[in-house]
Amino acid sequence: MGIAELSNQYWDLQMRFSPESATMYGDHRFDSEISDVTPNSLSRVMVELRDVARQAETIMPGSLPKQDRITRQMLIDAVESSETAIDELGLMLRIDPMLGVHSMLIAGSSMTVADQPEHANMLLERYRKVGGLIEGHLAWHLEGLAKGKVPPTGNIERSLAQMDTYLASSFETDPFINISVPEWSGKDAWIAAMTDVVKASVRPAIQKYRDTIRDEIAPHGRSQDRAGLSWVDGGAEYYERLIKDFTTVALTADEIHDIGLEEMAHSLEEFSIYGQAALGISALPDLFDRLRTDETLRFDSTEELMEFNRTVIRKAEAMAPVWFGRLPQAPCEMAEIPASLAPNMPPAYYFPPPSDGSRPGTYFINTADPKTVHRFDMVATAVHEAVPGHHLQCAINAEAGDLPMFRRYGFVVAYSEGWGLYSERLADEMGLYESDLDRIGMVAADAWRAARLVVDTGIHAKGWSRDQAITYMTENTPIKHDTVAIEVDRYIGFPGQALTYKIGQREFRRLRSMAEDRLGDRFDIRSFHDTVLTSGAVTLPVLADLVEEWIASIV
């Protein structure tokens, strides 16, 4: 079987394994299906995925053109990552405000689009099956309980709070009932049918999930001073695998911890410089206190918050042609994070556009309490999530019709988040920060990601308590106290993911500096950006190879 056929086989396996993802990508073949996380299902899909990797390994890379060589390597790497993604320890511990099945269902429904009446009716069948999906996850959690492998109490409590908020919400605002469907003569009947499905299937399933976690698992949650994987049997080895899969490079937890400390020292120097320039404050405790408490540095309303972001994005879009040769066709729209999730979610996140063009790329903003949102770091957030960050990168990938689907929509986290963080510094070159106060936001975002290297490894490899992690972030960044707590709980529940931002950014910066040094006045920033953005999301070693080949083609 050739590399193109293997790519298609791999993508079909992934879509069958995660029908909800298929729908969001614009593939409606599986709209009536829902994920199956039972052990037999997971074992079956891994056997098929391993076979794809085995066949890819038999193809000699020297016989392939450039993009097929990349595809071969990416297939092999992707299957290895899939092994970790469905590891039984991860499934046992996945009671989480971001990764929990309840959160994925609610957030996913807000991004689900049925572009045909047929697809809308298929979704009725999907959500009638929510009970089976919930049972599958509960089985893993209860097995974990029996083996003494349970999440820490903080993440359990945040998850319960999200479910309580959803279950208390009105049907008029229910995200399942408000899925985007076409205008047709049967729309009213479909809304009535979906309302019945939510009443009979969705809410009872989430209620059962909530009650079982509250009554059976929450009383046995790990204490907050043992929040990391190092306190769980098999957790240290699992964390090593997560580091490799997320960062795609060979670094130990100790090495990453030290990189974080080094990066943080640089950020603290920058805080003093920009703090003095913008506010006349160079002493970091005083600067951080001012940034956290000065109400004039916050938004007054949801409308003002959304309009501010809209202005930043439109300005970035206007500047983009100077810095990029290839630009996406799909627009970037904004939306609010669903109300039932927002209080326990990060400030923002992004969803890419689907292959069928049924919706734009969407930048989600947390508007739970806009009067607590800082103005000074909002530009950095917008450019990271939208333009020139995730939207530009993801939409370019989605529109690369010459690439296999799994490379167009694959999310190699170190690449994608590394690009997002690289974009925050690029935005300064593009003239998107209008003041030194905005640049404090840029530095704050960089320090935040440096802190993640220290805190994530501290929690999961060095035995740090939750309070120890919160103290470190509070002392070294101006992030609000409540946000710090949410962030630390995110690192606890999503081990390894937080390492990707700074590790990826450092590689983008290293490759650009190398290209500038070797090419001199022949270096072209638009060509460099097109080189790193037009082969899909790739591992960092593959990214380095792409840049090396580009440099060689010029010299």
Protein backbone atom coordinates (compact mmCIF):
# COMPACT_ATOMS: atom_id res chain seq x y z
CA MET A 1 0.00 0.00 0.00
CA GLY A 2 1.35 3.42 -0.95
CA ILE A 3 1.84 6.35 1.38
CA ALA A 4 -1.28 8.17 0.11
CA GLU A 5 -3.47 5.12 0.77
CA LEU A 6 -1.95 4.67 4.23
CA SER A 7 -2.68 8.31 5.00
CA ASN A 8 -6.31 7.90 4.03
CA GLN A 9 -6.57 4.71 6.06
CA TYR A 10 -5.11 6.41 9.12
CA TRP A 11 -7.49 9.37 8.81
CA ASP A 12 -10.53 7.13 8.40
CA LEU A 13 -9.50 5.20 11.51
CA GLN A 14 -9.22 8.43 13.49
CA MET A 15 -12.60 9.68 12.26
CA ARG A 16 -14.33 6.38 13.07
CA PHE A 17 -12.69 6.40 16.49
CA SER A 18 -13.80 10.01 17.16
CA PRO A 19 -17.01 10.71 15.21
CA GLU A 20 -17.48 14.00 17.06
CA SER A 21 -14.15 15.23 15.68
CA ALA A 22 -15.14 14.08 12.20
CA THR A 23 -18.23 16.28 12.36
CA MET A 24 -16.22 19.31 13.46
CA TYR A 25 -13.81 18.71 10.57
CA GLY A 26 -16.73 18.71 8.12
CA ASP A 27 -16.80 14.92 7.58
CA HIS A 28 -20.43 13.93 8.08
CA ARG A 29 -20.15 10.19 7.42
CA PHE A 30 -20.29 9.41 11.13
CA ASP A 31 -22.74 12.05 12.39
CA SER A 32 -25.02 9.40 13.90
CA GLU A 33 -22.16 7.76 15.82
CA ILE A 34 -20.43 8.57 19.11
CA SER A 35 -17.03 7.63 20.51
CA ASP A 36 -16.52 4.22 22.08
CA VAL A 37 -13.89 4.14 24.82
CA THR A 38 -14.47 0.58 25.97
CA PRO A 39 -11.29 -1.54 26.24
CA ASN A 40 -12.26 -3.76 23.28
CA SER A 41 -12.84 -0.74 21.05
CA LEU A 42 -9.55 0.90 22.04
CA SER A 43 -7.62 -2.33 21.54
CA ARG A 44 -9.17 -2.83 18.12
CA VAL A 45 -8.33 0.65 16.89
CA MET A 46 -4.74 0.41 18.16
CA VAL A 47 -4.21 -2.87 16.30
CA GLU A 48 -5.33 -1.15 13.09
CA LEU A 49 -3.25 1.97 13.77
CA ARG A 50 -0.12 -0.08 14.50
CA ASP A 51 -0.61 -1.87 11.21
CA VAL A 52 -0.61 1.51 9.41
CA ALA A 53 2.66 2.45 11.13
CA ARG A 54 4.20 -0.95 10.35
CA GLN A 55 3.37 -0.59 6.66
CA ALA A 56 4.73 2.97 6.61
CA GLU A 57 8.00 1.78 8.15
CA THR A 58 8.47 -0.73 5.32
CA ILE A 59 8.52 2.09 2.75
CA MET A 60 12.06 3.34 2.21
CA PRO A 61 12.09 7.14 2.71
CA GLY A 62 14.82 7.65 0.11
CA SER A 63 12.40 6.51 -2.60
CA LEU A 64 9.84 9.19 -1.76
CA PRO A 65 9.46 12.84 -2.76
CA LYS A 66 9.78 15.44 0.01
CA GLN A 67 6.14 15.70 1.14
CA ASP A 68 5.65 11.93 1.06
CA ARG A 69 8.77 11.52 3.22
CA ILE A 70 7.22 13.91 5.73
CA THR A 71 3.91 12.04 5.57
CA ARG A 72 5.64 8.72 6.24
CA GLN A 73 7.42 10.04 9.31
CA MET A 74 4.34 11.86 10.57
CA LEU A 75 2.25 8.67 10.30
CA ILE A 76 4.76 6.72 12.38
CA ASP A 77 4.98 9.48 14.99
CA ALA A 78 1.19 9.95 15.09
CA VAL A 79 0.54 6.28 15.84
CA GLU A 80 3.08 6.37 18.67
CA SER A 81 1.30 9.41 20.13
CA SER A 82 -2.06 7.64 19.82
CA GLU A 83 -0.76 4.93 22.13
CA THR A 84 -0.21 7.53 24.84
CA ALA A 85 -3.43 9.43 24.13
CA ILE A 86 -5.57 6.41 25.01
CA ASP A 87 -3.36 5.06 27.79
CA GLU A 88 -5.50 3.52 30.50
CA LEU A 89 -3.97 5.65 33.25
CA GLY A 90 -4.92 8.80 31.37
CA LEU A 91 -8.49 7.56 30.95
CA MET A 92 -8.77 6.69 34.62
CA LEU A 93 -7.65 10.17 35.67
CA ARG A 94 -9.61 12.16 33.08
CA ILE A 95 -12.15 13.80 35.37
CA ASP A 96 -11.18 17.27 34.32
CA PRO A 97 -12.75 20.65 33.48
CA MET A 98 -11.00 20.72 30.08
CA LEU A 99 -10.58 17.06 29.08
CA GLY A 100 -13.49 15.46 30.90
CA VAL A 101 -16.15 13.83 28.74
CA HIS A 102 -18.77 16.29 30.01
CA SER A 103 -16.65 19.28 28.95
CA MET A 104 -15.79 17.82 25.56
CA LEU A 105 -19.47 17.13 24.87
CA ILE A 106 -20.68 20.60 25.87
CA ALA A 107 -17.85 22.54 24.19
CA GLY A 108 -18.02 20.30 21.13
CA SER A 109 -21.75 20.79 20.67
CA SER A 110 -21.22 24.55 20.51
CA MET A 111 -18.95 23.99 17.49
CA THR A 112 -21.08 21.35 15.77
CA VAL A 113 -22.61 22.31 12.43
CA ALA A 114 -25.16 20.28 10.48
CA ASP A 115 -25.14 21.69 6.97
CA GLN A 116 -27.95 19.43 5.69
CA PRO A 117 -31.23 18.24 7.26
CA GLU A 118 -29.94 14.69 6.90
CA HIS A 119 -26.92 15.51 9.03
CA ALA A 120 -29.08 17.25 11.63
CA ASN A 121 -31.24 14.14 11.94
CA MET A 122 -28.15 11.95 12.24
CA LEU A 123 -27.08 14.06 15.23
CA LEU A 124 -30.29 13.11 17.01
CA GLU A 125 -29.07 9.51 16.85
CA ARG A 126 -25.64 10.50 18.14
CA TYR A 127 -26.90 12.26 21.22
CA ARG A 128 -29.30 9.43 22.03
CA LYS A 129 -26.10 7.42 22.58
CA VAL A 130 -24.51 9.78 25.10
CA GLY A 131 -25.34 7.37 27.90
CA GLY A 132 -23.08 4.72 26.40
CA LEU A 133 -20.20 7.17 26.12
CA ILE A 134 -20.66 8.27 29.73
CA GLU A 135 -20.79 4.64 30.90
CA GLY A 136 -17.52 3.96 29.08
CA HIS A 137 -15.74 6.79 30.86
CA LEU A 138 -17.26 5.92 34.22
CA ALA A 139 -15.98 2.37 33.86
CA TRP A 140 -12.43 3.69 33.50
CA HIS A 141 -12.83 6.05 36.47
CA LEU A 142 -14.22 3.28 38.67
CA GLU A 143 -11.43 0.92 37.65
CA GLY A 144 -8.99 3.66 38.57
CA LEU A 145 -10.71 4.03 41.94
CA ALA A 146 -10.32 0.30 42.58
CA LYS A 147 -6.60 0.57 41.76
CA GLY A 148 -6.03 3.73 43.79
CA LYS A 149 -5.55 5.85 40.64
CA VAL A 150 -7.84 8.85 41.02
CA PRO A 151 -7.60 12.54 40.09
CA PRO A 152 -6.85 15.23 42.68
CA THR A 153 -9.80 16.80 44.44
CA GLY A 154 -9.45 20.22 42.80
CA ASN A 155 -10.11 19.01 39.28
CA ILE A 156 -12.96 16.81 40.46
CA GLU A 157 -14.60 19.78 42.17
CA ARG A 158 -14.22 22.03 39.12
CA SER A 159 -15.74 19.35 36.92
CA LEU A 160 -18.69 18.90 39.27
CA ALA A 161 -19.25 22.69 39.28
CA GLN A 162 -19.37 22.71 35.47
CA MET A 163 -21.90 19.91 35.39
CA ASP A 164 -24.04 21.56 38.05
CA THR A 165 -24.10 24.77 36.01
CA TYR A 166 -25.04 22.93 32.82
CA LEU A 167 -27.75 20.83 34.48
CA ALA A 168 -29.27 23.97 36.04
CA SER A 169 -29.29 25.88 32.73
CA SER A 170 -32.43 26.48 30.69
CA PHE A 171 -33.29 24.43 27.63
CA GLU A 172 -33.50 27.65 25.63
CA THR A 173 -29.74 28.13 25.97
CA ASP A 174 -28.76 24.46 25.89
CA PRO A 175 -25.83 24.09 23.43
CA PHE A 176 -27.11 20.75 22.10
CA ILE A 177 -30.49 22.22 21.21
CA ASN A 178 -28.79 25.26 19.71
CA ILE A 179 -26.53 23.35 17.32
CA SER A 180 -26.27 25.15 13.98
CA VAL A 181 -28.71 23.51 11.56
CA PRO A 182 -30.00 24.66 8.16
CA GLU A 183 -33.24 26.50 7.60
CA TRP A 184 -35.75 23.95 6.29
CA SER A 185 -39.38 23.03 6.76
CA GLY A 186 -38.52 20.46 9.41
CA LYS A 187 -36.37 22.70 11.59
CA ASP A 188 -39.00 23.30 14.28
CA ALA A 189 -39.70 19.58 14.49
CA TRP A 190 -35.97 18.91 14.76
CA ILE A 191 -35.61 21.40 17.63
CA ALA A 192 -38.48 19.67 19.43
CA ALA A 193 -36.89 16.27 18.81
CA MET A 194 -33.47 17.43 20.05
CA THR A 195 -35.11 18.93 23.13
CA ASP A 196 -36.59 15.50 23.84
CA VAL A 197 -33.18 13.89 23.30
CA VAL A 198 -31.57 16.30 25.74
CA LYS A 199 -34.28 15.65 28.32
CA ALA A 200 -34.31 11.87 27.89
CA SER A 201 -30.65 11.11 27.14
CA VAL A 202 -28.10 13.90 27.41
CA ARG A 203 -28.97 15.46 30.77
CA PRO A 204 -29.73 12.17 32.52
CA ALA A 205 -26.35 10.80 31.34
CA ILE A 206 -24.47 13.86 32.57
CA GLN A 207 -26.49 13.76 35.80
CA LYS A 208 -25.43 10.14 36.32
CA TYR A 209 -21.82 11.01 35.57
CA ARG A 210 -21.99 13.88 38.03
CA ASP A 211 -23.65 11.83 40.78
CA THR A 212 -21.28 8.88 40.45
CA ILE A 213 -18.21 11.10 40.57
CA ARG A 214 -19.57 13.07 43.53
CA ASP A 215 -20.67 10.03 45.54
CA GLU A 216 -18.07 7.38 44.68
CA ILE A 217 -14.90 9.04 43.43
CA ALA A 218 -14.71 12.53 44.96
CA PRO A 219 -14.38 11.23 48.56
CA HIS A 220 -11.21 9.42 47.49
CA GLY A 221 -9.60 12.17 45.36
CA ARG A 222 -5.90 12.73 45.78
CA SER A 223 -4.95 15.47 48.21
CA GLN A 224 -3.66 18.70 46.72
CA ASP A 225 -0.18 18.11 48.10
CA ARG A 226 0.00 14.97 45.92
CA ALA A 227 -1.50 16.42 42.77
CA GLY A 228 1.09 15.21 40.24
CA LEU A 229 1.68 11.97 38.38
CA SER A 230 4.76 11.16 40.44
CA TRP A 231 2.37 10.24 43.27
CA VAL A 232 0.46 7.70 41.12
CA ASP A 233 1.64 4.16 40.49
CA GLY A 234 3.10 4.17 36.97
CA GLY A 235 2.75 7.93 36.74
CA ALA A 236 6.45 8.77 36.39
CA GLU A 237 6.85 6.52 33.33
CA TYR A 238 3.61 7.86 31.86
CA TYR A 239 4.83 11.44 32.29
CA GLU A 240 8.06 10.63 30.43
CA ARG A 241 5.98 9.40 27.49
CA LEU A 242 3.80 12.50 27.64
CA ILE A 243 6.86 14.76 27.51
CA LYS A 244 8.13 12.99 24.38
CA ASP A 245 4.73 12.95 22.65
CA PHE A 246 3.88 16.58 23.41
CA THR A 247 7.25 18.21 22.80
CA THR A 248 8.34 15.77 20.02
CA VAL A 249 11.97 16.17 21.18
CA ALA A 250 14.23 14.22 23.54
CA LEU A 251 14.28 16.32 26.71
CA THR A 252 14.06 15.12 30.30
CA ALA A 253 11.84 16.70 32.94
CA ASP A 254 14.94 18.09 34.67
CA GLU A 255 16.22 19.67 31.46
CA ILE A 256 12.85 21.27 30.78
CA HIS A 257 12.63 22.55 34.36
CA ASP A 258 16.02 24.24 33.97
CA ILE A 259 15.02 25.79 30.62
CA GLY A 260 11.96 27.23 32.35
CA LEU A 261 14.06 28.81 35.07
CA GLU A 262 16.40 30.32 32.47
CA GLU A 263 13.52 31.72 30.42
CA MET A 264 11.86 33.11 33.52
CA ALA A 265 15.00 35.00 34.52
CA HIS A 266 14.95 36.73 31.11
CA SER A 267 11.25 37.59 31.46
CA LEU A 268 11.77 39.11 34.90
CA GLU A 269 14.43 41.42 33.46
CA GLU A 270 12.02 42.52 30.74
CA PHE A 271 9.27 43.15 33.30
CA SER A 272 11.49 45.68 35.05
CA ILE A 273 12.34 47.46 31.80
CA TYR A 274 8.79 47.74 30.46
CA GLY A 275 7.29 48.30 33.90
CA GLN A 276 9.48 51.36 34.33
CA ALA A 277 8.70 52.62 30.82
CA ALA A 278 4.94 52.12 31.04
CA LEU A 279 4.06 52.69 34.68
CA GLY A 280 7.21 54.02 36.35
CA ILE A 281 7.53 50.81 38.37
CA SER A 282 10.55 48.51 38.10
CA ALA A 283 10.23 46.61 41.40
CA LEU A 284 8.48 43.38 40.44
CA PRO A 285 6.25 42.87 43.52
CA ASP A 286 4.93 46.42 43.14
CA LEU A 287 4.53 46.04 39.38
CA PHE A 288 2.64 42.76 39.68
CA ASP A 289 0.39 44.20 42.39
CA ARG A 290 -0.45 47.19 40.21
CA LEU A 291 -1.20 45.03 37.19
CA ARG A 292 -3.47 42.75 39.21
CA THR A 293 -5.38 45.40 41.14
CA ASP A 294 -5.64 48.50 38.94
CA GLU A 295 -9.24 48.48 37.75
CA THR A 296 -8.46 50.98 34.98
CA LEU A 297 -6.47 48.19 33.31
CA ARG A 298 -9.59 46.03 32.95
CA PHE A 299 -12.60 45.95 30.66
CA ASP A 300 -15.95 47.41 31.60
CA SER A 301 -18.25 45.05 29.69
CA THR A 302 -18.49 42.01 27.46
CA GLU A 303 -19.17 44.28 24.50
CA GLU A 304 -15.99 46.28 25.11
CA LEU A 305 -13.94 43.09 25.53
CA MET A 306 -15.24 41.62 22.28
CA GLU A 307 -14.81 44.87 20.33
CA PHE A 308 -11.24 45.27 21.59
CA ASN A 309 -10.37 41.80 20.30
CA ARG A 310 -12.14 42.43 17.02
CA THR A 311 -10.05 45.58 16.47
CA VAL A 312 -6.79 43.74 17.18
CA ILE A 313 -7.66 40.93 14.78
CA ARG A 314 -8.67 43.26 11.94
CA LYS A 315 -5.45 45.26 12.36
CA ALA A 316 -3.40 42.04 12.30
CA GLU A 317 -5.19 40.86 9.17
CA ALA A 318 -4.38 44.16 7.45
CA MET A 319 -0.67 43.80 8.28
CA ALA A 320 -0.38 40.10 7.48
CA PRO A 321 0.47 40.40 3.72
CA VAL A 322 3.72 42.15 4.62
CA TRP A 323 4.83 39.13 6.66
CA PHE A 324 3.23 36.15 4.92
CA GLY A 325 3.08 35.05 1.31
CA ARG A 326 0.26 32.58 1.81
CA LEU A 327 -2.83 33.72 3.67
CA PRO A 328 -5.99 31.75 4.51
CA GLN A 329 -9.31 32.23 2.77
CA ALA A 330 -11.41 31.28 5.81
CA PRO A 331 -12.36 34.23 8.02
CA CYS A 332 -11.66 34.33 11.74
CA GLU A 333 -14.78 34.93 13.81
CA MET A 334 -15.18 35.39 17.55
CA ALA A 335 -17.55 33.73 20.01
CA GLU A 336 -18.03 33.50 23.75
CA ILE A 337 -17.05 30.32 25.63
CA PRO A 338 -20.27 28.49 26.66
CA ALA A 339 -21.52 29.95 29.93
CA SER A 340 -21.65 26.61 31.77
CA LEU A 341 -17.94 26.02 31.11
CA ALA A 342 -16.49 29.53 31.22
CA PRO A 343 -15.85 29.99 34.98
CA ASN A 344 -13.47 27.02 34.98
CA MET A 345 -11.90 27.53 31.56
CA PRO A 346 -8.84 29.50 30.34
CA PRO A 347 -9.13 33.05 28.98
CA ALA A 348 -9.43 31.95 25.34
CA TYR A 349 -9.07 29.11 22.84
CA TYR A 350 -9.47 28.49 19.12
CA PHE A 351 -11.29 26.02 16.83
CA PRO A 352 -10.13 25.68 13.19
CA PRO A 353 -12.53 25.81 10.22
CA PRO A 354 -13.84 22.46 8.89
CA SER A 355 -12.99 21.08 5.47
CA ASP A 356 -16.50 21.70 4.13
CA GLY A 357 -16.37 25.45 4.83
CA SER A 358 -19.58 25.28 6.89
CA ARG A 359 -18.20 27.60 9.57
CA PRO A 360 -15.21 29.93 9.96
CA GLY A 361 -12.27 29.51 12.27
CA THR A 362 -13.49 30.59 15.69
CA TYR A 363 -11.64 32.41 18.46
CA PHE A 364 -13.47 31.74 21.74
CA ILE A 365 -13.19 34.34 24.49
CA ASN A 366 -14.01 33.84 28.16
CA THR A 367 -16.59 36.47 29.07
CA ALA A 368 -17.65 34.97 32.40
CA ASP A 369 -16.57 38.15 34.19
CA PRO A 370 -15.19 40.78 31.76
CA LYS A 371 -14.51 43.28 34.56
CA THR A 372 -11.72 40.99 35.78
CA VAL A 373 -10.07 40.66 32.34
CA HIS A 374 -6.86 42.64 31.91
CA ARG A 375 -6.49 44.96 28.95
CA PHE A 376 -2.71 44.87 28.99
CA ASP A 377 -2.40 41.21 27.98
CA MET A 378 -5.38 41.00 25.65
CA VAL A 379 -3.42 41.90 22.51
CA ALA A 380 -1.01 39.03 23.16
CA THR A 381 -3.95 36.67 23.68
CA ALA A 382 -5.69 37.76 20.48
CA VAL A 383 -2.62 37.41 18.27
CA HIS A 384 -1.84 34.01 19.78
CA GLU A 385 -5.31 32.58 19.23
CA ALA A 386 -6.25 34.35 16.01
CA VAL A 387 -3.90 36.26 13.65
CA PRO A 388 -1.03 35.67 13.13
CA GLY A 389 -1.35 32.76 15.57
CA HIS A 390 -3.63 29.73 15.53
CA HIS A 391 -6.15 30.94 12.97
CA LEU A 392 -3.58 31.82 10.34
CA GLN A 393 -1.66 28.58 10.90
CA CYS A 394 -4.65 26.24 11.20
CA ALA A 395 -6.63 27.77 8.34
CA ILE A 396 -3.62 27.65 6.00
CA ASN A 397 -3.23 23.97 6.92
CA ALA A 398 -6.93 23.25 6.41
CA GLU A 399 -6.84 24.81 2.93
CA ALA A 400 -3.72 22.89 1.82
CA GLY A 401 -5.58 20.53 -0.49
CA ASP A 402 -2.35 18.87 -1.66
CA LEU A 403 -1.66 17.51 1.85
CA PRO A 404 -3.26 14.38 3.37
CA MET A 405 -6.18 15.14 5.69
CA PHE A 406 -4.34 14.05 8.81
CA ARG A 407 -1.61 16.60 8.10
CA ARG A 408 -4.11 19.33 7.31
CA TYR A 409 -5.94 18.83 10.60
CA GLY A 410 -3.38 17.10 12.79
CA PHE A 411 -2.58 19.03 15.96
CA VAL A 412 1.09 18.57 16.80
CA VAL A 413 0.94 20.59 19.97
CA ALA A 414 4.59 21.71 20.16
CA TYR A 415 4.30 23.04 16.61
CA SER A 416 0.88 24.68 16.94
CA GLU A 417 1.36 26.19 20.39
CA GLY A 418 4.98 27.02 19.61
CA TRP A 419 3.76 28.98 16.59
CA GLY A 420 1.14 30.71 18.72
CA LEU A 421 3.76 31.89 21.22
CA TYR A 422 6.21 32.83 18.45
CA SER A 423 3.37 34.95 17.02
CA GLU A 424 3.15 36.98 20.21
CA ARG A 425 6.70 38.27 19.71
CA LEU A 426 6.20 38.57 15.96
CA ALA A 427 3.24 40.85 16.69
CA ASP A 428 5.67 43.40 18.16
CA GLU A 429 7.63 43.41 14.90
CA MET A 430 4.33 43.83 13.03
CA GLY A 431 3.46 46.94 15.05
CA LEU A 432 0.44 45.39 16.78
CA TYR A 433 1.48 46.49 20.29
CA GLU A 434 0.69 50.19 20.55
CA SER A 435 2.32 50.90 23.91
CA ASP A 436 4.81 49.65 26.46
CA LEU A 437 1.82 48.57 28.52
CA ASP A 438 0.85 46.20 25.68
CA ARG A 439 4.44 44.94 25.70
CA ILE A 440 4.11 44.18 29.39
CA GLY A 441 1.29 41.90 28.27
CA MET A 442 3.63 40.29 25.75
CA VAL A 443 6.23 39.68 28.45
CA ALA A 444 3.55 38.44 30.86
CA ALA A 445 2.44 35.88 28.28
CA ASP A 446 6.03 34.77 27.74
CA ALA A 447 6.64 34.51 31.50
CA TRP A 448 3.41 32.53 31.84
CA ARG A 449 4.75 29.92 29.39
CA ALA A 450 8.17 29.88 31.06
CA ALA A 451 6.42 29.25 34.37
CA ARG A 452 4.61 26.33 32.79
CA LEU A 453 7.92 24.56 32.15
CA VAL A 454 8.83 24.97 35.80
CA VAL A 455 5.42 24.19 37.26
CA ASP A 456 4.38 21.27 35.03
CA THR A 457 7.64 19.43 35.67
CA GLY A 458 7.56 20.52 39.31
CA ILE A 459 4.11 19.01 39.82
CA HIS A 460 4.54 15.80 37.83
CA ALA A 461 8.24 14.96 38.19
CA LYS A 462 9.42 16.68 41.36
CA GLY A 463 6.47 16.10 43.67
CA TRP A 464 5.37 19.73 44.02
CA SER A 465 2.08 20.41 45.76
CA ARG A 466 -0.68 22.46 44.15
CA ASP A 467 0.05 25.31 46.57
CA GLN A 468 3.74 25.23 45.70
CA ALA A 469 2.88 25.61 42.00
CA ILE A 470 0.44 28.44 42.69
CA THR A 471 3.04 30.26 44.79
CA TYR A 472 5.67 30.03 42.05
CA MET A 473 3.35 31.43 39.38
CA THR A 474 2.05 34.16 41.69
CA GLU A 475 5.56 35.34 42.58
CA ASN A 476 6.87 35.32 39.01
CA THR A 477 3.94 36.52 36.88
CA PRO A 478 1.20 39.15 37.16
CA ILE A 479 -1.52 36.60 36.37
CA LYS A 480 -4.66 37.05 38.49
CA HIS A 481 -4.85 34.77 41.51
CA ASP A 482 -8.03 33.01 40.41
CA THR A 483 -6.59 32.46 36.93
CA VAL A 484 -3.41 31.03 38.44
CA ALA A 485 -5.48 28.47 40.33
CA ILE A 486 -7.39 27.49 37.17
CA GLU A 487 -4.12 27.24 35.25
CA VAL A 488 -2.41 25.07 37.84
CA ASP A 489 -5.41 22.75 37.89
CA ARG A 490 -5.16 22.61 34.10
CA TYR A 491 -1.52 21.45 34.31
CA ILE A 492 -2.50 18.88 36.92
CA GLY A 493 -5.25 17.46 34.72
CA PHE A 494 -3.45 17.79 31.37
CA PRO A 495 0.14 16.70 32.10
CA GLY A 496 2.78 17.64 29.54
CA GLN A 497 0.65 19.85 27.30
CA ALA A 498 1.81 23.04 29.01
CA LEU A 499 5.42 22.27 28.06
CA THR A 500 4.76 22.68 24.35
CA TYR A 501 4.38 26.47 24.12
CA LYS A 502 7.84 27.53 25.18
CA ILE A 503 9.64 24.48 23.76
CA GLY A 504 7.99 25.06 20.38
CA GLN A 505 8.55 28.83 20.44
CA ARG A 506 12.25 28.37 21.19
CA GLU A 507 12.58 26.13 18.14
CA PHE A 508 10.81 28.57 15.81
CA ARG A 509 13.06 31.35 17.10
CA ARG A 510 16.19 29.20 16.79
CA LEU A 511 15.38 28.24 13.21
CA ARG A 512 14.63 31.83 12.22
CA SER A 513 17.89 33.08 13.79
CA MET A 514 19.83 30.32 12.04
CA ALA A 515 18.27 31.21 8.69
CA GLU A 516 18.95 34.93 9.18
CA ASP A 517 22.59 34.24 10.07
CA ARG A 518 23.21 31.88 7.16
CA LEU A 519 21.31 33.80 4.51
CA GLY A 520 22.16 37.37 5.46
CA ASP A 521 20.53 39.84 3.07
CA ARG A 522 19.01 36.93 1.13
CA PHE A 523 16.74 36.12 4.09
CA ASP A 524 13.10 36.88 3.31
CA ILE A 525 10.64 36.78 6.22
CA ARG A 526 7.63 36.00 4.03
CA SER A 527 9.41 33.05 2.48
CA PHE A 528 10.56 31.80 5.89
CA HIS A 529 7.02 31.94 7.26
CA ASP A 530 5.62 30.17 4.20
CA THR A 531 8.27 27.47 4.65
CA VAL A 532 7.28 26.74 8.23
CA LEU A 533 3.51 27.06 7.68
CA THR A 534 2.71 25.23 4.44
CA SER A 535 3.52 21.61 5.29
CA GLY A 536 0.88 21.20 7.97
CA ALA A 537 1.56 20.78 11.67
CA VAL A 538 4.79 18.81 11.92
CA THR A 539 7.06 17.59 14.69
CA LEU A 540 9.91 19.88 15.65
CA PRO A 541 12.58 17.62 14.07
CA VAL A 542 10.65 17.64 10.78
CA LEU A 543 10.28 21.44 11.07
CA ALA A 544 14.05 21.76 11.40
CA ASP A 545 14.53 19.62 8.28
CA LEU A 546 12.12 21.85 6.33
CA VAL A 547 14.06 24.98 7.22
CA GLU A 548 17.41 23.33 6.48
CA GLU A 549 16.16 22.31 3.02
CA TRP A 550 14.84 25.82 2.38
CA ILE A 551 18.17 27.39 3.33
CA ALA A 552 20.04 24.89 1.15
CA SER A 553 17.81 25.78 -1.83
CA ILE A 554 18.90 29.43 -1.52
CA VAL A 555 22.60 29.13 -0.75
